[in-house]
Amino acid sequence: MNRYFRKILLIGLLMLLGCHHVLASDIYSHIVLKLPSKLEREEPWVNIIKTRAEWQAFYEELTADLQSDDALPEIDFEVFQLIVGGVGARGAGGNSLQVTGIYEFDNDISIYVLDAAPGDHCSAITVIDYPMTAFLIRKTDKSIGFNVQSAKINCAQ
């Protein structure tokens, strides 16, 4: 009986180890970048940058109003692509964009973004804000889709 139980346990364990890939998608890792400035674009936008030349053009636009001679940060475009985007102009400060998940499917990649804004009871600064985000993902030829969900930040009264 003890021998029979061990065989069943071993078969069950092997079955569990063989079933490691049960999800319909794979989680796709990313690296968030902190850029030195924000682009002041009125409407929502996204750029998928796949080459150093595209990166240099974007970085020059991004830093045009800065009094800095910082060199172009290096990105390995053989391995990565840079995704930058924003939600356009907002009439108060305290907004942010956060990537909450990136998932790879057979034919595409889905990127989930949280668009957080101050709630009704927050003391927000009255200033035009241009929330944006930038992140690196592995280079791919798959189509990329975005799912943006809005949320209000609760503030204590």
Foldseek 3Di string as FASTA:
>chain_A
DVVVVVVVVVVVVVVVVVPPDDDQWDFFDKFWDDAPAFDQAAAKDKDKAQDPVSQVVVNCNRCVPPPDPDDRDDDDSVWKIKMKIWHGKDQWDDWEKDFPTWIGHPAAIETEIETEDADPPDDTHGDIDIYMIMMMTTDDPGYYHYDYDYDHDDDDD
